[in-house]
Amino acid sequence: MTPNIFLIVGAALSAIAALLHICVIFGGPAWYRFFGAGERIARGAEAGHWYPPIVTLLIAGVLGVWAAYALSGAGVLQPLPLLAFVLPAITSVYLLRGLVAVVLFVSDRRRLSAFWVWSSAICFALGLVHLIGLVQVWETL
C-alpha cells in the first residue's frame, strides 16, 4: 500500500503544532501572549504557576498522539488501537474547532479576535487535509 500523502501532511502539521506548544512553554509569557493564549494564562506563566505549562504540555501531547494516528492511518506506522474510530474523531475535532470563528462571527463579534480567526483557519485546513486523507483510506481502516 502506498502511504497516504494527505494524512502524512496532517501528521506533520499536528507534530509542528505540538512542537510549537512546547516552544511556547520555554518562550514564557511573551510567547503565550503572542500565540493568543490569553492574558490570564500569560499572567499565570509570569507568576510561575503550574497551570499554563501543564495545560500547554497536555495539548502538545494530544497533538503528538494525533500525529501518530494520522501516520498510522497513512500506512506509515502499524495500525494503532481504534484507528477507524479515532481518526474520524480527530478529523471532526479539527473541523469543529475550525468553525469557532464562524460561530463567534454570527453570535458574539465582540469576542472575535485575530487569534480566533487565524487559529480557526489553521484548524479547519488541518481538518480538511485529514478529511481528504481519511476518505482516501477509509476502505482499508
Protein backbone atom coordinates (compact mmCIF):
# COMPACT_ATOMS: atom_id res chain seq x y z
CA MET A 1 0.00 0.00 0.00
CA THR A 2 1.27 3.47 -0.91
CA PRO A 3 1.34 5.81 2.10
CA ASN A 4 -1.37 8.47 2.05
CA ILE A 5 0.21 11.88 1.45
CA PHE A 6 -2.71 13.85 2.93
CA LEU A 7 -2.52 12.02 6.26
CA ILE A 8 1.27 12.34 6.25
CA VAL A 9 0.91 16.11 5.77
CA GLY A 10 -1.75 16.18 8.51
CA ALA A 11 0.59 14.28 10.82
CA ALA A 12 3.46 16.67 10.06
CA LEU A 13 1.26 19.70 10.75
CA SER A 14 0.00 18.21 14.02
CA ALA A 15 3.60 17.45 15.04
CA ILE A 16 4.63 21.03 14.22
CA ALA A 17 1.73 22.33 16.31
CA ALA A 18 2.82 20.06 19.19
CA LEU A 19 6.39 21.36 18.97
CA LEU A 20 5.15 24.94 18.85
CA HIS A 21 3.22 24.37 22.06
CA ILE A 22 6.39 23.08 23.72
CA CYS A 23 8.27 26.13 22.45
CA VAL A 24 5.61 28.37 23.99
CA ILE A 25 6.32 26.84 27.40
CA PHE A 26 10.01 27.69 27.08
CA GLY A 27 9.28 31.06 25.45
CA GLY A 28 7.34 32.12 28.51
CA PRO A 29 4.65 34.77 28.98
CA ALA A 30 5.53 36.75 25.84
CA TRP A 31 5.03 33.62 23.74
CA TYR A 32 1.74 32.81 25.47
CA ARG A 33 0.57 36.32 24.60
CA PHE A 34 1.87 36.22 21.02
CA PHE A 35 0.13 32.92 20.28
CA GLY A 36 -3.14 34.12 21.80
CA ALA A 37 -3.36 32.02 24.94
CA GLY A 38 -4.95 34.91 26.78
CA GLU A 39 -3.84 37.35 29.40
CA ARG A 40 -4.89 35.14 32.33
CA ILE A 41 -2.65 32.30 31.11
CA ALA A 42 0.23 34.69 30.35
CA ARG A 43 -0.02 36.21 33.83
CA GLY A 44 -0.08 32.74 35.32
CA ALA A 45 3.11 31.89 33.43
CA GLU A 46 4.68 35.14 34.66
CA ALA A 47 3.79 34.24 38.23
CA GLY A 48 5.30 30.78 37.84
CA HIS A 49 2.02 28.90 38.28
CA TRP A 50 1.95 25.27 37.22
CA TYR A 51 -1.30 25.56 35.24
CA PRO A 52 -0.07 27.20 31.99
CA PRO A 53 2.82 24.82 31.25
CA ILE A 54 0.85 21.72 32.28
CA VAL A 55 -2.13 22.59 30.08
CA THR A 56 0.17 23.53 27.21
CA LEU A 57 2.11 20.28 27.62
CA LEU A 58 -1.14 18.29 27.63
CA ILE A 59 -2.22 19.99 24.40
CA ALA A 60 1.19 19.20 22.87
CA GLY A 61 0.80 15.58 23.96
CA VAL A 62 -2.64 15.29 22.39
CA LEU A 63 -1.36 16.81 19.15
CA GLY A 64 1.56 14.34 19.19
CA VAL A 65 -0.82 11.41 19.60
CA TRP A 66 -2.94 12.81 16.76
CA ALA A 67 0.17 12.94 14.56
CA ALA A 68 0.86 9.28 15.36
CA TYR A 69 -2.73 8.32 14.47
CA ALA A 70 -2.50 10.19 11.18
CA LEU A 71 0.75 8.37 10.36
CA SER A 72 -0.91 5.10 11.28
CA GLY A 73 -3.88 5.86 9.03
CA ALA A 74 -1.46 6.86 6.28
CA GLY A 75 0.16 3.44 6.42
CA VAL A 76 3.50 4.72 7.73
CA LEU A 77 3.05 3.20 11.23
CA GLN A 78 1.39 -0.05 12.24
CA PRO A 79 -2.36 0.28 12.88
CA LEU A 80 -2.99 1.87 16.26
CA PRO A 81 -5.88 0.80 18.51
CA LEU A 82 -9.33 2.02 17.47
CA LEU A 83 -7.88 3.69 14.36
CA ALA A 84 -11.20 3.56 12.48
CA PHE A 85 -12.83 5.45 15.36
CA VAL A 86 -10.02 7.78 16.46
CA LEU A 87 -9.01 9.12 13.04
CA PRO A 88 -12.55 10.35 12.19
CA ALA A 89 -12.80 11.80 15.70
CA ILE A 90 -9.56 13.74 15.23
CA THR A 91 -10.79 14.98 11.86
CA SER A 92 -14.09 16.07 13.41
CA VAL A 93 -12.38 17.93 16.26
CA TYR A 94 -10.18 19.85 13.82
CA LEU A 95 -13.15 20.75 11.60
CA LEU A 96 -15.37 21.77 14.52
CA ARG A 97 -12.58 23.81 16.11
CA GLY A 98 -12.14 25.44 12.72
CA LEU A 99 -15.73 26.67 12.83
CA VAL A 100 -15.31 28.59 16.10
CA ALA A 101 -14.54 31.85 14.29
CA VAL A 102 -17.71 31.46 12.20
CA VAL A 103 -19.78 30.82 15.33
CA LEU A 104 -18.25 33.86 17.06
CA PHE A 105 -18.83 35.99 13.97
CA VAL A 106 -22.50 35.07 13.99
CA SER A 107 -23.14 35.02 17.74
CA ASP A 108 -20.69 37.32 19.54
CA ARG A 109 -18.50 39.51 17.32
CA ARG A 110 -17.03 41.28 20.35
CA ARG A 111 -15.15 38.07 21.26
CA LEU A 112 -13.91 37.52 17.71
CA SER A 113 -10.21 38.34 17.74
CA ALA A 114 -7.37 37.82 15.29
CA PHE A 115 -6.37 34.74 17.31
CA TRP A 116 -9.76 33.11 16.79
CA VAL A 117 -9.70 33.86 13.06
CA TRP A 118 -6.21 32.57 12.27
CA SER A 119 -6.33 29.61 14.67
CA SER A 120 -9.73 28.59 13.32
CA ALA A 121 -8.46 28.83 9.75
CA ILE A 122 -5.46 26.65 10.61
CA CYS A 123 -7.61 24.06 12.39
CA PHE A 124 -10.13 23.98 9.55
CA ALA A 125 -7.35 23.49 6.99
CA LEU A 126 -5.93 20.68 9.12
CA GLY A 127 -9.38 19.14 9.31
CA LEU A 128 -9.78 19.28 5.53
CA VAL A 129 -6.37 17.66 4.99
CA HIS A 130 -7.33 14.89 7.42
CA LEU A 131 -10.76 14.51 5.81
CA ILE A 132 -9.34 14.08 2.31
CA GLY A 133 -6.82 11.54 3.58
CA LEU A 134 -9.45 9.75 5.65
CA VAL A 135 -11.81 9.42 2.70
CA GLN A 136 -8.96 8.01 0.62
CA VAL A 137 -8.02 5.32 3.15
CA TRP A 138 -11.43 4.61 4.67
CA GLU A 139 -11.85 1.21 2.98
CA THR A 140 -8.55 -0.01 4.45
CA LEU A 141 -9.20 1.00 8.06
